[in-house]
């Protein structure tokens, strides 16, 4: 498989984003996008947080909390977790960047 990064169109809360990943990273990135989309929709649907940027920040905080409070065996390979977090961070950065353009 190729290590060359390719462009991938993803949708988060009905908004389209273009992200870059290798073919090997694609399945994990799509899972991260799906997870982030679900978390953001849950927050939006609760009605307690208004605005895409605030929803994205709250989702990031919730996901970070989940990660930090999870029990991970000492011999666990965290490189997979790091890759997933970087992919999620890229999606969040893209969402916030396009939000700034709207203001």
PDB file of N, CA and C in Angstrom:
ATOM      1  N   UNK A   1       0.836  -1.189   0.000  1.00  0.00           N
ATOM      2  CA  UNK A   1       0.000   0.000   0.000  1.00  0.00           C
ATOM      3  C   UNK A   1       0.874   1.243   0.000  1.00  0.00           C
ATOM      4  N   UNK A   2       0.318   2.306  -0.514  1.00  0.00           N
ATOM      5  CA  UNK A   2       1.060   3.548  -0.668  1.00  0.00           C
ATOM      6  C   UNK A   2       1.047   4.377   0.614  1.00  0.00           C
ATOM      7  N   UNK A   3       2.170   5.017   0.891  1.00  0.00           N
ATOM      8  CA  UNK A   3       2.263   5.934   2.034  1.00  0.00           C
ATOM      9  C   UNK A   3       1.962   7.366   1.596  1.00  0.00           C
ATOM     10  N   UNK A   4       1.599   7.532   0.317  1.00  0.00           N
ATOM     11  CA  UNK A   4       1.312   8.852  -0.220  1.00  0.00           C
ATOM     12  C   UNK A   4      -0.035   9.347   0.303  1.00  0.00           C
ATOM     13  N   UNK A   5      -0.062  10.591   0.803  1.00  0.00           N
ATOM     14  CA  UNK A   5      -1.292  11.170   1.322  1.00  0.00           C
ATOM     15  C   UNK A   5      -2.202  11.555   0.159  1.00  0.00           C
ATOM     16  N   UNK A   6      -3.478  11.261   0.324  1.00  0.00           N
ATOM     17  CA  UNK A   6      -4.481  11.606  -0.673  1.00  0.00           C
ATOM     18  C   UNK A   6      -5.579  12.403  -0.011  1.00  0.00           C
ATOM     19  N   UNK A   7      -6.265  13.176  -0.790  1.00  0.00           N
ATOM     20  CA  UNK A   7      -7.354  13.999  -0.298  1.00  0.00           C
ATOM     21  C   UNK A   7      -8.598  13.137  -0.101  1.00  0.00           C
ATOM     22  N   UNK A   8      -9.327  13.420   0.975  1.00  0.00           N
ATOM     23  CA  UNK A   8     -10.535  12.681   1.301  1.00  0.00           C
ATOM     24  C   UNK A   8     -11.598  13.679   1.742  1.00  0.00           C
ATOM     25  N   UNK A   9     -12.791  13.591   1.172  1.00  0.00           N
ATOM     26  CA  UNK A   9     -13.904  14.448   1.571  1.00  0.00           C
ATOM     27  C   UNK A   9     -14.676  13.761   2.683  1.00  0.00           C
ATOM     28  N   UNK A  10     -14.897  14.487   3.781  1.00  0.00           N
ATOM     29  CA  UNK A  10     -15.655  13.952   4.905  1.00  0.00           C
ATOM     30  C   UNK A  10     -16.738  14.952   5.284  1.00  0.00           C
ATOM     31  N   UNK A  11     -17.743  14.474   5.992  1.00  0.00           N
ATOM     32  CA  UNK A  11     -18.845  15.327   6.426  1.00  0.00           C
ATOM     33  C   UNK A  11     -18.988  15.237   7.940  1.00  0.00           C
ATOM     34  N   UNK A  12     -19.022  16.411   8.558  1.00  0.00           N
ATOM     35  CA  UNK A  12     -19.226  16.493  10.011  1.00  0.00           C
ATOM     36  C   UNK A  12     -20.346  17.486  10.251  1.00  0.00           C
ATOM     37  N   UNK A  13     -21.385  17.027  10.874  1.00  0.00           N
ATOM     38  CA  UNK A  13     -22.575  17.839  11.143  1.00  0.00           C
ATOM     39  C   UNK A  13     -23.081  18.523   9.867  1.00  0.00           C
ATOM     40  N   UNK A  14     -23.069  17.766   8.774  1.00  0.00           N
ATOM     41  CA  UNK A  14     -23.595  18.278   7.521  1.00  0.00           C
ATOM     42  C   UNK A  14     -22.682  19.214   6.751  1.00  0.00           C
ATOM     43  N   UNK A  15     -21.487  19.437   7.263  1.00  0.00           N
ATOM     44  CA  UNK A  15     -20.531  20.311   6.573  1.00  0.00           C
ATOM     45  C   UNK A  15     -19.424  19.461   5.996  1.00  0.00           C
ATOM     46  N   UNK A  16     -19.028  19.810   4.789  1.00  0.00           N
ATOM     47  CA  UNK A  16     -18.004  19.046   4.081  1.00  0.00           C
ATOM     48  C   UNK A  16     -16.612  19.598   4.376  1.00  0.00           C
ATOM     49  N   UNK A  17     -15.663  18.683   4.584  1.00  0.00           N
ATOM     50  CA  UNK A  17     -14.275  19.044   4.830  1.00  0.00           C
ATOM     51  C   UNK A  17     -13.389  18.149   3.984  1.00  0.00           C
ATOM     52  N   UNK A  18     -12.287  18.702   3.535  1.00  0.00           N
ATOM     53  CA  UNK A  18     -11.300  17.952   2.769  1.00  0.00           C
ATOM     54  C   UNK A  18     -10.108  17.732   3.687  1.00  0.00           C
ATOM     55  N   UNK A  19      -9.757  16.470   3.902  1.00  0.00           N
ATOM     56  CA  UNK A  19      -8.624  16.123   4.756  1.00  0.00           C
ATOM     57  C   UNK A  19      -7.670  15.238   3.966  1.00  0.00           C
ATOM     58  N   UNK A  20      -6.460  15.161   4.437  1.00  0.00           N
ATOM     59  CA  UNK A  20      -5.434  14.386   3.765  1.00  0.00           C
ATOM     60  C   UNK A  20      -5.021  13.219   4.646  1.00  0.00           C
ATOM     61  N   UNK A  21      -4.894  12.039   4.031  1.00  0.00           N
ATOM     62  CA  UNK A  21      -4.436  10.863   4.767  1.00  0.00           C
ATOM     63  C   UNK A  21      -3.914   9.831   3.779  1.00  0.00           C
ATOM     64  N   UNK A  22      -3.127   8.907   4.298  1.00  0.00           N
ATOM     65  CA  UNK A  22      -2.661   7.802   3.458  1.00  0.00           C
ATOM     66  C   UNK A  22      -3.774   6.754   3.379  1.00  0.00           C
ATOM     67  N   UNK A  23      -3.623   5.844   2.455  1.00  0.00           N
ATOM     68  CA  UNK A  23      -4.603   4.772   2.291  1.00  0.00           C
ATOM     69  C   UNK A  23      -4.693   3.930   3.564  1.00  0.00           C
ATOM     70  N   UNK A  24      -3.558   3.739   4.244  1.00  0.00           N
ATOM     71  CA  UNK A  24      -3.546   2.954   5.477  1.00  0.00           C
ATOM     72  C   UNK A  24      -4.300   3.659   6.605  1.00  0.00           C
ATOM     73  N   UNK A  25      -4.270   4.977   6.622  1.00  0.00           N
ATOM     74  CA  UNK A  25      -4.928   5.753   7.676  1.00  0.00           C
ATOM     75  C   UNK A  25      -6.413   5.963   7.419  1.00  0.00           C
ATOM     76  N   UNK A  26      -6.842   5.749   6.201  1.00  0.00           N
ATOM     77  CA  UNK A  26      -8.219   6.064   5.803  1.00  0.00           C
ATOM     78  C   UNK A  26      -9.291   5.421   6.696  1.00  0.00           C
ATOM     79  N   UNK A  27      -9.238   4.097   6.952  1.00  0.00           N
ATOM     80  CA  UNK A  27     -10.288   3.505   7.789  1.00  0.00           C
ATOM     81  C   UNK A  27     -10.356   4.134   9.188  1.00  0.00           C
ATOM     82  N   UNK A  28      -9.194   4.372   9.790  1.00  0.00           N
ATOM     83  CA  UNK A  28      -9.180   4.976  11.127  1.00  0.00           C
ATOM     84  C   UNK A  28      -9.692   6.409  11.085  1.00  0.00           C
ATOM     85  N   UNK A  29      -9.317   7.145  10.053  1.00  0.00           N
ATOM     86  CA  UNK A  29      -9.787   8.526   9.919  1.00  0.00           C
ATOM     87  C   UNK A  29     -11.298   8.556   9.759  1.00  0.00           C
ATOM     88  N   UNK A  30     -11.838   7.667   8.944  1.00  0.00           N
ATOM     89  CA  UNK A  30     -13.292   7.623   8.767  1.00  0.00           C
ATOM     90  C   UNK A  30     -13.999   7.256  10.065  1.00  0.00           C
ATOM     91  N   UNK A  31     -13.415   6.356  10.840  1.00  0.00           N
ATOM     92  CA  UNK A  31     -13.989   6.026  12.159  1.00  0.00           C
ATOM     93  C   UNK A  31     -13.930   7.237  13.080  1.00  0.00           C
ATOM     94  N   UNK A  32     -12.827   7.984  13.036  1.00  0.00           N
ATOM     95  CA  UNK A  32     -12.685   9.187  13.868  1.00  0.00           C
ATOM     96  C   UNK A  32     -13.702  10.247  13.459  1.00  0.00           C
ATOM     97  N   UNK A  33     -13.889  10.412  12.161  1.00  0.00           N
ATOM     98  CA  UNK A  33     -14.868  11.382  11.657  1.00  0.00           C
ATOM     99  C   UNK A  33     -16.266  10.994  12.123  1.00  0.00           C
ATOM    100  N   UNK A  34     -16.604   9.709  12.007  1.00  0.00           N
ATOM    101  CA  UNK A  34     -17.914   9.235  12.443  1.00  0.00           C
ATOM    102  C   UNK A  34     -18.102   9.462  13.936  1.00  0.00           C
ATOM    103  N   UNK A  35     -17.083   9.160  14.704  1.00  0.00           N
ATOM    104  CA  UNK A  35     -17.159   9.329  16.161  1.00  0.00           C
ATOM    105  C   UNK A  35     -17.331  10.803  16.521  1.00  0.00           C
ATOM    106  N   UNK A  36     -16.524  11.668  15.906  1.00  0.00           N
ATOM    107  CA  UNK A  36     -16.623  13.105  16.168  1.00  0.00           C
ATOM    108  C   UNK A  36     -17.982  13.644  15.749  1.00  0.00           C
ATOM    109  N   UNK A  37     -18.479  13.215  14.600  1.00  0.00           N
ATOM    110  CA  UNK A  37     -19.791  13.656  14.124  1.00  0.00           C
ATOM    111  C   UNK A  37     -20.877  13.277  15.125  1.00  0.00           C
ATOM    112  N   UNK A  38     -20.829  12.031  15.611  1.00  0.00           N
ATOM    113  CA  UNK A  38     -21.826  11.592  16.594  1.00  0.00           C
ATOM    114  C   UNK A  38     -21.744  12.406  17.878  1.00  0.00           C
ATOM    115  N   UNK A  39     -20.521  12.643  18.369  1.00  0.00           N
ATOM    116  CA  UNK A  39     -20.344  13.408  19.607  1.00  0.00           C
ATOM    117  C   UNK A  39     -20.860  14.831  19.439  1.00  0.00           C
ATOM    118  N   UNK A  40     -20.522  15.456  18.305  1.00  0.00           N
ATOM    119  CA  UNK A  40     -20.960  16.835  18.076  1.00  0.00           C
ATOM    120  C   UNK A  40     -22.476  16.914  17.936  1.00  0.00           C
ATOM    121  N   UNK A  41     -23.084  15.944  17.273  1.00  0.00           N
ATOM    122  CA  UNK A  41     -24.545  15.939  17.131  1.00  0.00           C
ATOM    123  C   UNK A  41     -25.225  15.729  18.487  1.00  0.00           C
ATOM    124  N   UNK A  42     -24.649  14.868  19.324  1.00  0.00           N
ATOM    125  CA  UNK A  42     -25.205  14.666  20.668  1.00  0.00           C
ATOM    126  C   UNK A  42     -25.204  15.974  21.451  1.00  0.00           C
ATOM    127  N   UNK A  43     -24.094  16.698  21.376  1.00  0.00           N
ATOM    128  CA  UNK A  43     -23.979  17.971  22.097  1.00  0.00           C
ATOM    129  C   UNK A  43     -24.971  18.982  21.532  1.00  0.00           C
ATOM    130  N   UNK A  44     -25.033  19.092  20.206  1.00  0.00           N
ATOM    131  CA  UNK A  44     -25.968  20.011  19.565  1.00  0.00           C
ATOM    132  C   UNK A  44     -27.405  19.670  19.936  1.00  0.00           C
ATOM    133  N   UNK A  45     -27.751  18.383  19.883  1.00  0.00           N
ATOM    134  CA  UNK A  45     -29.122  17.955  20.148  1.00  0.00           C
ATOM    135  C   UNK A  45     -29.521  18.130  21.614  1.00  0.00           C
ATOM    136  N   UNK A  46     -28.533  18.217  22.507  1.00  0.00           N
ATOM    137  CA  UNK A  46     -28.866  18.442  23.921  1.00  0.00           C
ATOM    138  C   UNK A  46     -29.426  19.847  24.123  1.00  0.00           C
ATOM    139  N   UNK A  47     -29.109  20.745  23.202  1.00  0.00           N
ATOM    140  CA  UNK A  47     -29.620  22.118  23.281  1.00  0.00           C
ATOM    141  C   UNK A  47     -28.907  22.998  24.277  1.00  0.00           C
ATOM    142  N   UNK A  48     -27.871  22.495  24.917  1.00  0.00           N
ATOM    143  CA  UNK A  48     -27.174  23.265  25.946  1.00  0.00           C
ATOM    144  C   UNK A  48     -26.035  24.101  25.379  1.00  0.00           C
ATOM    145  N   UNK A  49     -25.564  23.765  24.185  1.00  0.00           N
ATOM    146  CA  UNK A  49     -24.438  24.475  23.576  1.00  0.00           C
ATOM    147  C   UNK A  49     -24.875  24.930  22.188  1.00  0.00           C
ATOM    148  N   UNK A  50     -24.618  26.209  21.888  1.00  0.00           N
ATOM    149  CA  UNK A  50     -25.003  26.772  20.602  1.00  0.00           C
ATOM    150  C   UNK A  50     -23.751  27.211  19.853  1.00  0.00           C
ATOM    151  N   UNK A  51     -23.720  26.963  18.568  1.00  0.00           N
ATOM    152  CA  UNK A  51     -22.605  27.389  17.731  1.00  0.00           C
ATOM    153  C   UNK A  51     -21.658  26.240  17.445  1.00  0.00           C
ATOM    154  N   UNK A  52     -21.312  26.109  16.174  1.00  0.00           N
ATOM    155  CA  UNK A  52     -20.462  25.001  15.746  1.00  0.00           C
ATOM    156  C   UNK A  52     -19.114  24.996  16.445  1.00  0.00           C
ATOM    157  N   UNK A  53     -18.514  26.164  16.612  1.00  0.00           N
ATOM    158  CA  UNK A  53     -17.194  26.228  17.257  1.00  0.00           C
ATOM    159  C   UNK A  53     -17.271  25.750  18.700  1.00  0.00           C
ATOM    160  N   UNK A  54     -18.268  26.193  19.425  1.00  0.00           N
ATOM    161  CA  UNK A  54     -18.421  25.768  20.826  1.00  0.00           C
ATOM    162  C   UNK A  54     -18.724  24.276  20.916  1.00  0.00           C
ATOM    163  N   UNK A  55     -19.546  23.786  19.997  1.00  0.00           N
ATOM    164  CA  UNK A  55     -19.857  22.358  19.969  1.00  0.00           C
ATOM    165  C   UNK A  55     -18.583  21.557  19.718  1.00  0.00           C
ATOM    166  N   UNK A  56     -17.745  22.021  18.778  1.00  0.00           N
ATOM    167  CA  UNK A  56     -16.491  21.318  18.459  1.00  0.00           C
ATOM    168  C   UNK A  56     -15.563  21.299  19.671  1.00  0.00           C
ATOM    169  N   UNK A  57     -15.471  22.416  20.382  1.00  0.00           N
ATOM    170  CA  UNK A  57     -14.611  22.478  21.567  1.00  0.00           C
ATOM    171  C   UNK A  57     -15.136  21.550  22.652  1.00  0.00           C
ATOM    172  N   UNK A  58     -16.439  21.542  22.878  1.00  0.00           N
ATOM    173  CA  UNK A  58     -17.005  20.651  23.898  1.00  0.00           C
ATOM    174  C   UNK A  58     -16.800  19.185  23.514  1.00  0.00           C
ATOM    175  N   UNK A  59     -16.953  18.869  22.236  1.00  0.00           N
ATOM    176  CA  UNK A  59     -16.715  17.492  21.785  1.00  0.00           C
ATOM    177  C   UNK A  59     -15.257  17.111  22.015  1.00  0.00           C
ATOM    178  N   UNK A  60     -14.341  18.030  21.702  1.00  0.00           N
ATOM    179  CA  UNK A  60     -12.908  17.758  21.911  1.00  0.00           C
ATOM    180  C   UNK A  60     -12.621  17.523  23.391  1.00  0.00           C
ATOM    181  N   UNK A  61     -13.212  18.332  24.247  1.00  0.00           N
ATOM    182  CA  UNK A  61     -13.015  18.155  25.690  1.00  0.00           C
ATOM    183  C   UNK A  61     -13.575  16.813  26.166  1.00  0.00           C
ATOM    184  N   UNK A  62     -14.752  16.453  25.683  1.00  0.00           N
ATOM    185  CA  UNK A  62     -15.349  15.170  26.073  1.00  0.00           C
ATOM    186  C   UNK A  62     -14.492  13.999  25.608  1.00  0.00           C
ATOM    187  N   UNK A  63     -14.002  14.067  24.391  1.00  0.00           N
ATOM    188  CA  UNK A  63     -13.176  12.985  23.851  1.00  0.00           C
ATOM    189  C   UNK A  63     -11.852  12.904  24.610  1.00  0.00           C
ATOM    190  N   UNK A  64     -11.248  14.060  24.907  1.00  0.00           N
ATOM    191  CA  UNK A  64     -10.004  14.074  25.681  1.00  0.00           C
ATOM    192  C   UNK A  64     -10.241  13.472  27.065  1.00  0.00           C
ATOM    193  N   UNK A  65     -11.358  13.812  27.678  1.00  0.00           N
ATOM    194  CA  UNK A  65     -11.687  13.253  28.989  1.00  0.00           C
ATOM    195  C   UNK A  65     -11.844  11.742  28.915  1.00  0.00           C
ATOM    196  N   UNK A  66     -12.546  11.260  27.885  1.00  0.00           N
ATOM    197  CA  UNK A  66     -12.702   9.815  27.703  1.00  0.00           C
ATOM    198  C   UNK A  66     -11.335   9.136  27.584  1.00  0.00           C
ATOM    199  N   UNK A  67     -10.460   9.739  26.814  1.00  0.00           N
ATOM    200  CA  UNK A  67      -9.130   9.161  26.611  1.00  0.00           C
ATOM    201  C   UNK A  67      -8.334   9.134  27.911  1.00  0.00           C
ATOM    202  N   UNK A  68      -8.348  10.246  28.632  1.00  0.00           N
ATOM    203  CA  UNK A  68      -7.538  10.351  29.842  1.00  0.00           C
ATOM    204  C   UNK A  68      -8.060   9.498  30.989  1.00  0.00           C
ATOM    205  N   UNK A  69      -9.339   9.213  30.990  1.00  0.00           N
ATOM    206  CA  UNK A  69      -9.896   8.415  32.092  1.00  0.00           C
ATOM    207  C   UNK A  69     -10.008   6.936  31.747  1.00  0.00           C
ATOM    208  N   UNK A  70      -9.659   6.575  30.517  1.00  0.00           N
ATOM    209  CA  UNK A  70      -9.729   5.160  30.152  1.00  0.00           C
ATOM    210  C   UNK A  70      -8.533   4.423  30.741  1.00  0.00           C
ATOM    211  N   UNK A  71      -8.740   3.184  31.065  1.00  0.00           N
ATOM    212  CA  UNK A  71      -7.672   2.338  31.608  1.00  0.00           C
ATOM    213  C   UNK A  71      -6.934   1.691  30.442  1.00  0.00           C
ATOM    214  N   UNK A  72      -5.670   1.982  30.331  1.00  0.00           N
ATOM    215  CA  UNK A  72      -4.858   1.440  29.246  1.00  0.00           C
ATOM    216  C   UNK A  72      -3.762   0.571  29.856  1.00  0.00           C
ATOM    217  N   UNK A  73      -3.641  -0.683  29.407  1.00  0.00           N
ATOM    218  CA  UNK A  73      -2.570  -1.538  29.920  1.00  0.00           C
ATOM    219  C   UNK A  73      -1.199  -0.912  29.665  1.00  0.00           C
ATOM    220  N   UNK A  74      -0.253  -1.144  30.542  1.00  0.00           N
ATOM    221  CA  UNK A  74       1.066  -0.521  30.428  1.00  0.00           C
ATOM    222  C   UNK A  74       1.816  -0.944  29.177  1.00  0.00           C
ATOM    223  N   UNK A  75       1.495  -2.103  28.617  1.00  0.00           N
ATOM    224  CA  UNK A  75       2.187  -2.547  27.407  1.00  0.00           C
ATOM    225  C   UNK A  75       1.418  -2.189  26.131  1.00  0.00           C
ATOM    226  N   UNK A  76       0.397  -1.370  26.245  1.00  0.00           N
ATOM    227  CA  UNK A  76      -0.426  -0.978  25.103  1.00  0.00           C
ATOM    228  C   UNK A  76       0.357  -0.049  24.176  1.00  0.00           C
ATOM    229  N   UNK A  77       0.249  -0.293  22.882  1.00  0.00           N
ATOM    230  CA  UNK A  77       0.920   0.536  21.877  1.00  0.00           C
ATOM    231  C   UNK A  77       0.081   1.793  21.652  1.00  0.00           C
ATOM    232  N   UNK A  78       0.549   2.926  22.144  1.00  0.00           N
ATOM    233  CA  UNK A  78      -0.209   4.166  22.051  1.00  0.00           C
ATOM    234  C   UNK A  78      -0.061   4.851  20.696  1.00  0.00           C
ATOM    235  N   UNK A  79       0.755   4.337  19.808  1.00  0.00           N
ATOM    236  CA  UNK A  79       0.938   4.979  18.508  1.00  0.00           C
ATOM    237  C   UNK A  79      -0.374   5.022  17.724  1.00  0.00           C
ATOM    238  N   UNK A  80      -1.198   3.992  17.849  1.00  0.00           N
ATOM    239  CA  UNK A  80      -2.491   3.982  17.173  1.00  0.00           C
ATOM    240  C   UNK A  80      -3.393   5.081  17.735  1.00  0.00           C
ATOM    241  N   UNK A  81      -3.387   5.235  19.031  1.00  0.00           N
ATOM    242  CA  UNK A  81      -4.180   6.283  19.667  1.00  0.00           C
ATOM    243  C   UNK A  81      -3.686   7.655  19.229  1.00  0.00           C
ATOM    244  N   UNK A  82      -2.379   7.834  19.174  1.00  0.00           N
ATOM    245  CA  UNK A  82      -1.818   9.112  18.732  1.00  0.00           C
ATOM    246  C   UNK A  82      -2.232   9.432  17.312  1.00  0.00           C
ATOM    247  N   UNK A  83      -2.188   8.454  16.419  1.00  0.00           N
ATOM    248  CA  UNK A  83      -2.603   8.676  15.027  1.00  0.00           C
ATOM    249  C   UNK A  83      -4.069   9.082  14.957  1.00  0.00           C
ATOM    250  N   UNK A  84      -4.898   8.407  15.731  1.00  0.00           N
ATOM    251  CA  UNK A  84      -6.332   8.737  15.732  1.00  0.00           C
ATOM    252  C   UNK A  84      -6.569  10.134  16.281  1.00  0.00           C
ATOM    253  N   UNK A  85      -5.847  10.491  17.322  1.00  0.00           N
ATOM    254  CA  UNK A  85      -6.005  11.836  17.890  1.00  0.00           C
ATOM    255  C   UNK A  85      -5.533  12.900  16.904  1.00  0.00           C
ATOM    256  N   UNK A  86      -4.451  12.641  16.188  1.00  0.00           N
ATOM    257  CA  UNK A  86      -3.974  13.590  15.185  1.00  0.00           C
ATOM    258  C   UNK A  86      -5.001  13.744  14.071  1.00  0.00           C
ATOM    259  N   UNK A  87      -5.612  12.655  13.668  1.00  0.00           N
ATOM    260  CA  UNK A  87      -6.643  12.726  12.638  1.00  0.00           C
ATOM    261  C   UNK A  87      -7.842  13.531  13.127  1.00  0.00           C
ATOM    262  N   UNK A  88      -8.250  13.289  14.378  1.00  0.00           N
ATOM    263  CA  UNK A  88      -9.362  14.059  14.944  1.00  0.00           C
ATOM    264  C   UNK A  88      -8.996  15.530  15.063  1.00  0.00           C
ATOM    265  N   UNK A  89      -7.762  15.809  15.469  1.00  0.00           N
ATOM    266  CA  UNK A  89      -7.316  17.197  15.590  1.00  0.00           C
ATOM    267  C   UNK A  89      -7.351  17.892  14.241  1.00  0.00           C
ATOM    268  N   UNK A  90      -6.968  17.193  13.183  1.00  0.00           N
ATOM    269  CA  UNK A  90      -7.000  17.773  11.840  1.00  0.00           C
ATOM    270  C   UNK A  90      -8.431  18.120  11.437  1.00  0.00           C
ATOM    271  N   UNK A  91      -9.367  17.245  11.771  1.00  0.00           N
ATOM    272  CA  UNK A  91     -10.770  17.500  11.453  1.00  0.00           C
ATOM    273  C   UNK A  91     -11.289  18.692  12.253  1.00  0.00           C
ATOM    274  N   UNK A  92     -10.947  18.761  13.526  1.00  0.00           N
ATOM    275  CA  UNK A  92     -11.369  19.881  14.369  1.00  0.00           C
ATOM    276  C   UNK A  92     -10.763  21.184  13.861  1.00  0.00           C
ATOM    277  N   UNK A  93      -9.466  21.170  13.528  1.00  0.00           N
ATOM    278  CA  UNK A  93      -8.811  22.369  12.993  1.00  0.00           C
ATOM    279  C   UNK A  93      -9.487  22.837  11.718  1.00  0.00           C
ATOM    280  N   UNK A  94      -9.837  21.907  10.851  1.00  0.00           N
ATOM    281  CA  UNK A  94     -10.505  22.270   9.607  1.00  0.00           C
ATOM    282  C   UNK A  94     -11.874  22.875   9.888  1.00  0.00           C
ATOM    283  N   UNK A  95     -12.600  22.300  10.845  1.00  0.00           N
ATOM    284  CA  UNK A  95     -13.925  22.822  11.193  1.00  0.00           C
ATOM    285  C   UNK A  95     -13.815  24.230  11.758  1.00  0.00           C
ATOM    286  N   UNK A  96     -12.854  24.442  12.641  1.00  0.00           N
ATOM    287  CA  UNK A  96     -12.690  25.769  13.237  1.00  0.00           C
ATOM    288  C   UNK A  96     -12.185  26.776  12.206  1.00  0.00           C
ATOM    289  N   UNK A  97     -11.334  26.354  11.298  1.00  0.00           N
ATOM    290  CA  UNK A  97     -10.808  27.245  10.271  1.00  0.00           C
ATOM    291  C   UNK A  97     -11.930  27.741   9.368  1.00  0.00           C
ATOM    292  N   UNK A  98     -12.790  26.831   8.943  1.00  0.00           N
ATOM    293  CA  UNK A  98     -13.882  27.254   8.065  1.00  0.00           C
ATOM    294  C   UNK A  98     -14.906  28.085   8.839  1.00  0.00           C
ATOM    295  N   UNK A  99     -15.031  27.873  10.130  1.00  0.00           N
ATOM    296  CA  UNK A  99     -15.921  28.670  10.967  1.00  0.00           C
ATOM    297  C   UNK A  99     -15.422  30.101  11.033  1.00  0.00           C
ATOM    298  N   UNK A 100     -14.103  30.299  11.155  1.00  0.00           N
ATOM    299  CA  UNK A 100     -13.534  31.631  11.205  1.00  0.00           C
ATOM    300  C   UNK A 100     -13.808  32.399   9.921  1.00  0.00           C
ATOM    301  N   UNK A 101     -13.823  31.706   8.785  1.00  0.00           N
ATOM    302  CA  UNK A 101     -14.069  32.359   7.495  1.00  0.00           C
ATOM    303  C   UNK A 101     -15.491  32.891   7.414  1.00  0.00           C
ATOM    304  N   UNK A 102     -16.413  32.260   8.140  1.00  0.00           N
ATOM    305  CA  UNK A 102     -17.809  32.693   8.117  1.00  0.00           C
ATOM    306  C   UNK A 102     -18.029  33.957   8.927  1.00  0.00           C
ATOM    307  N   UNK A 103     -17.137  34.224   9.888  1.00  0.00           N
ATOM    308  CA  UNK A 103     -17.329  35.380  10.769  1.00  0.00           C
ATOM    309  C   UNK A 103     -16.731  36.596  10.213  1.00  0.00           C
TER     310      UNK A 103
END
